[in-house]
PDB file of N, CA and C in Angstrom:
ATOM      1  N   MET A   1    -125.089  54.082-108.409  1.00  0.00           N
ATOM      2  CA  MET A   1    -124.930  53.061-109.420  1.00  0.00           C
ATOM      3  C   MET A   1    -123.768  53.444-110.354  1.00  0.00           C
ATOM      4  N   THR A   2    -122.954  52.468-110.690  1.00  0.00           N
ATOM      5  CA  THR A   2    -121.806  52.688-111.547  1.00  0.00           C
ATOM      6  C   THR A   2    -122.243  52.680-113.015  1.00  0.00           C
ATOM      7  N   THR A   3    -121.798  53.690-113.773  1.00  0.00           N
ATOM      8  CA  THR A   3    -122.156  53.779-115.189  1.00  0.00           C
ATOM      9  C   THR A   3    -121.288  52.831-116.018  1.00  0.00           C
ATOM     10  N   PRO A   4    -121.704  52.529-117.249  1.00  0.00           N
ATOM     11  CA  PRO A   4    -120.872  51.699-118.118  1.00  0.00           C
ATOM     12  C   PRO A   4    -119.472  52.283-118.344  1.00  0.00           C
ATOM     13  N   THR A   5    -119.391  53.591-118.491  1.00  0.00           N
ATOM     14  CA  THR A   5    -118.089  54.234-118.696  1.00  0.00           C
ATOM     15  C   THR A   5    -117.206  54.085-117.465  1.00  0.00           C
ATOM     16  N   GLU A   6    -117.782  54.220-116.285  1.00  0.00           N
ATOM     17  CA  GLU A   6    -117.014  54.035-115.049  1.00  0.00           C
ATOM     18  C   GLU A   6    -116.528  52.597-114.920  1.00  0.00           C
ATOM     19  N   LYS A   7    -117.375  51.638-115.294  1.00  0.00           N
ATOM     20  CA  LYS A   7    -116.976  50.229-115.252  1.00  0.00           C
ATOM     21  C   LYS A   7    -115.839  49.962-116.231  1.00  0.00           C
ATOM     22  N   LEU A   8    -115.918  50.553-117.417  1.00  0.00           N
ATOM     23  CA  LEU A   8    -114.867  50.394-118.414  1.00  0.00           C
ATOM     24  C   LEU A   8    -113.553  50.998-117.919  1.00  0.00           C
ATOM     25  N   THR A   9    -113.638  52.146-117.279  1.00  0.00           N
ATOM     26  CA  THR A   9    -112.446  52.801-116.737  1.00  0.00           C
ATOM     27  C   THR A   9    -111.794  51.942-115.662  1.00  0.00           C
ATOM     28  N   ILE A  10    -112.578  51.389-114.772  1.00  0.00           N
ATOM     29  CA  ILE A  10    -112.046  50.501-113.728  1.00  0.00           C
ATOM     30  C   ILE A  10    -111.383  49.289-114.373  1.00  0.00           C
ATOM     31  N   PHE A  11    -112.026  48.727-115.371  1.00  0.00           N
ATOM     32  CA  PHE A  11    -111.496  47.569-116.089  1.00  0.00           C
ATOM     33  C   PHE A  11    -110.141  47.904-116.723  1.00  0.00           C
ATOM     34  N   ALA A  12    -110.080  49.019-117.437  1.00  0.00           N
ATOM     35  CA  ALA A  12    -108.829  49.432-118.092  1.00  0.00           C
ATOM     36  C   ALA A  12    -107.729  49.691-117.064  1.00  0.00           C
ATOM     37  N   LYS A  13    -108.054  50.415-116.013  1.00  0.00           N
ATOM     38  CA  LYS A  13    -107.047  50.737-114.998  1.00  0.00           C
ATOM     39  C   LYS A  13    -106.525  49.484-114.302  1.00  0.00           C
ATOM     40  N   THR A  14    -107.373  48.474-114.165  1.00  0.00           N
ATOM     41  CA  THR A  14    -106.920  47.215-113.570  1.00  0.00           C
ATOM     42  C   THR A  14    -105.896  46.536-114.479  1.00  0.00           C
ATOM     43  N   ILE A  15    -106.194  46.453-115.771  1.00  0.00           N
ATOM     44  CA  ILE A  15    -105.251  45.849-116.720  1.00  0.00           C
ATOM     45  C   ILE A  15    -103.936  46.624-116.740  1.00  0.00           C
ATOM     46  N   ILE A  16    -104.025  47.936-116.756  1.00  0.00           N
ATOM     47  CA  ILE A  16    -102.828  48.781-116.789  1.00  0.00           C
ATOM     48  C   ILE A  16    -101.999  48.591-115.521  1.00  0.00           C
ATOM     49  N   THR A  17    -102.651  48.558-114.384  1.00  0.00           N
ATOM     50  CA  THR A  17    -101.942  48.396-113.115  1.00  0.00           C
ATOM     51  C   THR A  17    -101.252  47.039-113.028  1.00  0.00           C
ATOM     52  N   VAL A  18    -101.942  45.991-113.413  1.00  0.00           N
ATOM     53  CA  VAL A  18    -101.372  44.648-113.341  1.00  0.00           C
ATOM     54  C   VAL A  18    -100.153  44.510-114.261  1.00  0.00           C
ATOM     55  N   ASN A  19    -100.212  45.128-115.428  1.00  0.00           N
ATOM     56  CA  ASN A  19     -99.178  44.904-116.434  1.00  0.00           C
ATOM     57  C   ASN A  19     -98.103  45.987-116.536  1.00  0.00           C
ATOM     58  N   TYR A  20     -98.405  47.211-116.102  1.00  0.00           N
ATOM     59  CA  TYR A  20     -97.483  48.320-116.383  1.00  0.00           C
ATOM     60  C   TYR A  20     -97.203  49.224-115.180  1.00  0.00           C
ATOM     61  N   LYS A  21     -97.414  48.718-113.985  1.00  0.00           N
ATOM     62  CA  LYS A  21     -97.243  49.534-112.780  1.00  0.00           C
ATOM     63  C   LYS A  21     -95.835  50.123-112.645  1.00  0.00           C
ATOM     64  N   THR A  22     -94.830  49.430-113.134  1.00  0.00           N
ATOM     65  CA  THR A  22     -93.453  49.912-112.990  1.00  0.00           C
ATOM     66  C   THR A  22     -92.990  50.755-114.175  1.00  0.00           C
ATOM     67  N   HIS A  23     -93.836  50.918-115.180  1.00  0.00           N
ATOM     68  CA  HIS A  23     -93.467  51.731-116.342  1.00  0.00           C
ATOM     69  C   HIS A  23     -93.392  53.202-115.929  1.00  0.00           C
ATOM     70  N   ASN A  24     -92.444  53.939-116.493  1.00  0.00           N
ATOM     71  CA  ASN A  24     -92.277  55.349-116.101  1.00  0.00           C
ATOM     72  C   ASN A  24     -93.463  56.226-116.501  1.00  0.00           C
ATOM     73  N   LEU A  25     -94.305  55.773-117.426  1.00  0.00           N
ATOM     74  CA  LEU A  25     -95.488  56.537-117.811  1.00  0.00           C
ATOM     75  C   LEU A  25     -96.779  55.962-117.216  1.00  0.00           C
ATOM     76  N   PHE A  26     -96.642  55.159-116.194  1.00  0.00           N
ATOM     77  CA  PHE A  26     -97.794  54.504-115.573  1.00  0.00           C
ATOM     78  C   PHE A  26     -98.920  55.490-115.248  1.00  0.00           C
ATOM     79  N   ASP A  27     -98.605  56.594-114.592  1.00  0.00           N
ATOM     80  CA  ASP A  27     -99.635  57.561-114.204  1.00  0.00           C
ATOM     81  C   ASP A  27    -100.335  58.165-115.422  1.00  0.00           C
ATOM     82  N   VAL A  28     -99.612  58.355-116.493  1.00  0.00           N
ATOM     83  CA  VAL A  28    -100.205  58.871-117.735  1.00  0.00           C
ATOM     84  C   VAL A  28    -101.114  57.815-118.339  1.00  0.00           C
ATOM     85  N   PHE A  29    -100.645  56.565-118.370  1.00  0.00           N
ATOM     86  CA  PHE A  29    -101.433  55.476-118.943  1.00  0.00           C
ATOM     87  C   PHE A  29    -102.795  55.332-118.274  1.00  0.00           C
ATOM     88  N   LEU A  30    -102.870  55.616-116.988  1.00  0.00           N
ATOM     89  CA  LEU A  30    -104.138  55.481-116.269  1.00  0.00           C
ATOM     90  C   LEU A  30    -105.222  56.394-116.834  1.00  0.00           C
ATOM     91  N   ASP A  31    -104.809  57.470-117.491  1.00  0.00           N
ATOM     92  CA  ASP A  31    -105.770  58.420-118.061  1.00  0.00           C
ATOM     93  C   ASP A  31    -105.800  58.417-119.585  1.00  0.00           C
ATOM     94  N   GLU A  32    -104.785  57.847-120.207  1.00  0.00           N
ATOM     95  CA  GLU A  32    -104.653  57.924-121.664  1.00  0.00           C
ATOM     96  C   GLU A  32    -104.643  56.525-122.271  1.00  0.00           C
ATOM     97  N   TRP A  33    -105.809  55.981-122.514  1.00  0.00           N
ATOM     98  CA  TRP A  33    -105.926  54.623-123.047  1.00  0.00           C
ATOM     99  C   TRP A  33    -107.143  54.521-123.957  1.00  0.00           C
ATOM    100  N   GLU A  34    -107.137  53.464-124.773  1.00  0.00           N
ATOM    101  CA  GLU A  34    -108.247  53.227-125.686  1.00  0.00           C
ATOM    102  C   GLU A  34    -108.246  51.755-126.097  1.00  0.00           C
ATOM    103  N   PHE A  35    -109.421  51.161-126.170  1.00  0.00           N
ATOM    104  CA  PHE A  35    -109.546  49.786-126.618  1.00  0.00           C
ATOM    105  C   PHE A  35    -109.833  49.746-128.113  1.00  0.00           C
ATOM    106  N   LYS A  36    -109.278  48.755-128.800  1.00  0.00           N
ATOM    107  CA  LYS A  36    -109.618  48.491-130.198  1.00  0.00           C
ATOM    108  C   LYS A  36    -110.660  47.377-130.184  1.00  0.00           C
ATOM    109  N   ILE A  37    -111.884  47.738-130.560  1.00  0.00           N
ATOM    110  CA  ILE A  37    -113.003  46.802-130.540  1.00  0.00           C
ATOM    111  C   ILE A  37    -113.414  46.500-131.977  1.00  0.00           C
ATOM    112  N   CYS A  38    -113.504  45.239-132.285  1.00  0.00           N
ATOM    113  CA  CYS A  38    -113.925  44.786-133.613  1.00  0.00           C
ATOM    114  C   CYS A  38    -115.337  44.215-133.477  1.00  0.00           C
ATOM    115  N   THR A  39    -116.346  45.039-133.767  1.00  0.00           N
ATOM    116  CA  THR A  39    -117.731  44.622-133.549  1.00  0.00           C
ATOM    117  C   THR A  39    -118.193  43.570-134.558  1.00  0.00           C
ATOM    118  N   ASN A  40    -117.638  43.568-135.766  1.00  0.00           N
ATOM    119  CA  ASN A  40    -118.078  42.568-136.738  1.00  0.00           C
ATOM    120  C   ASN A  40    -117.501  41.180-136.449  1.00  0.00           C
ATOM    121  N   GLN A  41    -116.454  41.117-135.612  1.00  0.00           N
ATOM    122  CA  GLN A  41    -115.884  39.826-135.209  1.00  0.00           C
ATOM    123  C   GLN A  41    -116.112  39.521-133.728  1.00  0.00           C
ATOM    124  N   ASN A  42    -116.828  40.415-133.039  1.00  0.00           N
ATOM    125  CA  ASN A  42    -117.168  40.236-131.619  1.00  0.00           C
ATOM    126  C   ASN A  42    -115.937  40.004-130.744  1.00  0.00           C
ATOM    127  N   LYS A  43    -114.983  40.935-130.837  1.00  0.00           N
ATOM    128  CA  LYS A  43    -113.800  40.806-129.986  1.00  0.00           C
ATOM    129  C   LYS A  43    -113.186  42.169-129.669  1.00  0.00           C
ATOM    130  N   VAL A  44    -112.516  42.204-128.544  1.00  0.00           N
ATOM    131  CA  VAL A  44    -111.719  43.353-128.127  1.00  0.00           C
ATOM    132  C   VAL A  44    -110.271  42.946-128.385  1.00  0.00           C
ATOM    133  N   GLU A  45    -109.665  43.521-129.410  1.00  0.00           N
ATOM    134  CA  GLU A  45    -108.365  43.046-129.863  1.00  0.00           C
ATOM    135  C   GLU A  45    -107.198  43.549-129.027  1.00  0.00           C
ATOM    136  N   GLU A  46    -107.205  44.860-128.720  1.00  0.00           N
ATOM    137  CA  GLU A  46    -106.021  45.467-128.101  1.00  0.00           C
ATOM    138  C   GLU A  46    -106.411  46.603-127.169  1.00  0.00           C
ATOM    139  N   LEU A  47    -105.458  46.962-126.340  1.00  0.00           N
ATOM    140  CA  LEU A  47    -105.555  48.147-125.498  1.00  0.00           C
ATOM    141  C   LEU A  47    -104.364  49.024-125.842  1.00  0.00           C
ATOM    142  N   TYR A  48    -104.640  50.244-126.283  1.00  0.00           N
ATOM    143  CA  TYR A  48    -103.573  51.190-126.613  1.00  0.00           C
ATOM    144  C   TYR A  48    -103.315  52.095-125.418  1.00  0.00           C
ATOM    145  N   LEU A  49    -102.046  52.304-125.109  1.00  0.00           N
ATOM    146  CA  LEU A  49    -101.652  53.218-124.037  1.00  0.00           C
ATOM    147  C   LEU A  49    -100.865  54.369-124.664  1.00  0.00           C
ATOM    148  N   PHE A  50    -101.281  55.581-124.340  1.00  0.00           N
ATOM    149  CA  PHE A  50    -100.739  56.783-124.960  1.00  0.00           C
ATOM    150  C   PHE A  50     -99.897  57.602-123.983  1.00  0.00           C
ATOM    151  N   ASP A  51     -99.022  58.440-124.541  1.00  0.00           N
ATOM    152  CA  ASP A  51     -98.320  59.427-123.725  1.00  0.00           C
ATOM    153  C   ASP A  51     -99.152  60.714-123.721  1.00  0.00           C
ATOM    154  N   ASN A  52     -98.628  61.760-123.122  1.00  0.00           N
ATOM    155  CA  ASN A  52     -99.365  63.029-123.027  1.00  0.00           C
ATOM    156  C   ASN A  52     -99.565  63.718-124.371  1.00  0.00           C
ATOM    157  N   ASP A  53     -98.820  63.295-125.397  1.00  0.00           N
ATOM    158  CA  ASP A  53     -98.945  63.893-126.728  1.00  0.00           C
ATOM    159  C   ASP A  53     -99.788  63.036-127.669  1.00  0.00           C
ATOM    160  N   SER A  54    -100.517  62.102-127.121  1.00  0.00           N
ATOM    161  CA  SER A  54    -101.399  61.199-127.876  1.00  0.00           C
ATOM    162  C   SER A  54    -100.667  60.244-128.807  1.00  0.00           C
ATOM    163  N   ASN A  55     -99.414  59.935-128.491  1.00  0.00           N
ATOM    164  CA  ASN A  55     -98.660  58.929-129.229  1.00  0.00           C
ATOM    165  C   ASN A  55     -98.891  57.568-128.580  1.00  0.00           C
ATOM    166  N   ILE A  56     -99.128  56.555-129.396  1.00  0.00           N
ATOM    167  CA  ILE A  56     -99.268  55.205-128.845  1.00  0.00           C
ATOM    168  C   ILE A  56     -97.895  54.743-128.375  1.00  0.00           C
ATOM    169  N   ILE A  57     -97.786  54.442-127.101  1.00  0.00           N
ATOM    170  CA  ILE A  57     -96.528  53.983-126.508  1.00  0.00           C
ATOM    171  C   ILE A  57     -96.521  52.458-126.413  1.00  0.00           C
ATOM    172  N   ILE A  58     -97.657  51.884-126.046  1.00  0.00           N
ATOM    173  CA  ILE A  58     -97.761  50.433-125.895  1.00  0.00           C
ATOM    174  C   ILE A  58     -99.059  49.953-126.546  1.00  0.00           C
ATOM    175  N   THR A  59     -98.954  48.866-127.283  1.00  0.00           N
ATOM    176  CA  THR A  59    -100.122  48.159-127.787  1.00  0.00           C
ATOM    177  C   THR A  59    -100.185  46.837-127.037  1.00  0.00           C
ATOM    178  N   HIS A  60    -101.158  46.736-126.152  1.00  0.00           N
ATOM    179  CA  HIS A  60    -101.332  45.534-125.348  1.00  0.00           C
ATOM    180  C   HIS A  60    -102.309  44.620-126.078  1.00  0.00           C
ATOM    181  N   LYS A  61    -101.826  43.517-126.612  1.00  0.00           N
ATOM    182  CA  LYS A  61    -102.660  42.577-127.363  1.00  0.00           C
ATOM    183  C   LYS A  61    -103.232  41.523-126.417  1.00  0.00           C
ATOM    184  N   PHE A  62    -104.496  41.192-126.636  1.00  0.00           N
ATOM    185  CA  PHE A  62    -105.159  40.184-125.825  1.00  0.00           C
ATOM    186  C   PHE A  62    -105.148  38.840-126.548  1.00  0.00           C
ATOM    187  N   THR A  63    -105.105  37.757-125.780  1.00  0.00           N
ATOM    188  CA  THR A  63    -105.190  36.422-126.360  1.00  0.00           C
ATOM    189  C   THR A  63    -106.572  36.246-126.986  1.00  0.00           C
ATOM    190  N   GLN A  64    -106.689  35.286-127.863  1.00  0.00           N
ATOM    191  CA  GLN A  64    -107.955  35.021-128.548  1.00  0.00           C
ATOM    192  C   GLN A  64    -109.090  34.784-127.552  1.00  0.00           C
ATOM    193  N   ASP A  65    -108.820  34.010-126.513  1.00  0.00           N
ATOM    194  CA  ASP A  65    -109.850  33.730-125.500  1.00  0.00           C
ATOM    195  C   ASP A  65    -110.314  35.006-124.806  1.00  0.00           C
ATOM    196  N   LEU A  66    -109.364  35.857-124.455  1.00  0.00           N
ATOM    197  CA  LEU A  66    -109.716  37.099-123.768  1.00  0.00           C
ATOM    198  C   LEU A  66    -110.426  38.083-124.684  1.00  0.00           C
ATOM    199  N   GLN A  67    -110.100  38.072-125.963  1.00  0.00           N
ATOM    200  CA  GLN A  67    -110.755  38.989-126.901  1.00  0.00           C
ATOM    201  C   GLN A  67    -112.264  38.801-126.891  1.00  0.00           C
ATOM    202  N   THR A  68    -112.700  37.561-126.937  1.00  0.00           N
ATOM    203  CA  THR A  68    -114.135  37.257-126.920  1.00  0.00           C
ATOM    204  C   THR A  68    -114.732  37.502-125.537  1.00  0.00           C
ATOM    205  N   LYS A  69    -114.009  37.098-124.515  1.00  0.00           N
ATOM    206  CA  LYS A  69    -114.485  37.289-123.141  1.00  0.00           C
ATOM    207  C   LYS A  69    -114.678  38.777-122.836  1.00  0.00           C
ATOM    208  N   TYR A  70    -113.716  39.615-123.220  1.00  0.00           N
ATOM    209  CA  TYR A  70    -113.813  41.053-122.969  1.00  0.00           C
ATOM    210  C   TYR A  70    -114.924  41.688-123.798  1.00  0.00           C
ATOM    211  N   PHE A  71    -115.109  41.227-125.039  1.00  0.00           N
ATOM    212  CA  PHE A  71    -116.197  41.740-125.858  1.00  0.00           C
ATOM    213  C   PHE A  71    -117.537  41.470-125.172  1.00  0.00           C
ATOM    214  N   ASN A  72    -117.703  40.249-124.701  1.00  0.00           N
ATOM    215  CA  ASN A  72    -118.952  39.899-124.007  1.00  0.00           C
ATOM    216  C   ASN A  72    -119.149  40.735-122.748  1.00  0.00           C
ATOM    217  N   TYR A  73    -118.064  41.014-122.035  1.00  0.00           N
ATOM    218  CA  TYR A  73    -118.151  41.868-120.843  1.00  0.00           C
ATOM    219  C   TYR A  73    -118.557  43.287-121.235  1.00  0.00           C
ATOM    220  N   PHE A  74    -117.934  43.831-122.271  1.00  0.00           N
ATOM    221  CA  PHE A  74    -118.281  45.189-122.727  1.00  0.00           C
ATOM    222  C   PHE A  74    -119.750  45.259-123.147  1.00  0.00           C
ATOM    223  N   LYS A  75    -120.216  44.220-123.794  1.00  0.00           N
ATOM    224  CA  LYS A  75    -121.615  44.159-124.197  1.00  0.00           C
ATOM    225  C   LYS A  75    -122.520  44.094-122.962  1.00  0.00           C
ATOM    226  N   HIS A  76    -122.125  43.276-121.995  1.00  0.00           N
ATOM    227  CA  HIS A  76    -122.907  43.122-120.763  1.00  0.00           C
ATOM    228  C   HIS A  76    -123.032  44.420-119.969  1.00  0.00           C
ATOM    229  N   ILE A  77    -121.972  45.212-119.935  1.00  0.00           N
ATOM    230  CA  ILE A  77    -122.033  46.467-119.166  1.00  0.00           C
ATOM    231  C   ILE A  77    -122.599  47.634-119.977  1.00  0.00           C
ATOM    232  N   GLY A  78    -122.890  47.398-121.253  1.00  0.00           N
ATOM    233  CA  GLY A  78    -123.553  48.435-122.053  1.00  0.00           C
ATOM    234  C   GLY A  78    -122.618  49.345-122.834  1.00  0.00           C
ATOM    235  N   ILE A  79    -121.358  48.958-123.025  1.00  0.00           N
ATOM    236  CA  ILE A  79    -120.442  49.759-123.823  1.00  0.00           C
ATOM    237  C   ILE A  79    -120.705  49.527-125.313  1.00  0.00           C
ATOM    238  N   ILE A  80    -121.044  48.300-125.648  1.00  0.00           N
ATOM    239  CA  ILE A  80    -121.289  47.949-127.053  1.00  0.00           C
ATOM    240  C   ILE A  80    -122.778  47.767-127.243  1.00  0.00           C
TER     241      ILE A  80
END
């Protein structure tokens, strides 16, 4: 059975692959990422991609529709 953390990792890696596969730090991004979740507004606002020194290299902003959709998904898989 897949854990909530494993599901979140697959989700993040899919977004990263679709949007940043040709970026020179692609392989780093696959391991160095974090979502900005706003629990009081029920949305996932952004995905931060970091370099090896923990510097934010890319802030991937989600559309309003996706923010709510992703929040509901995170809640469904047990992250929130």
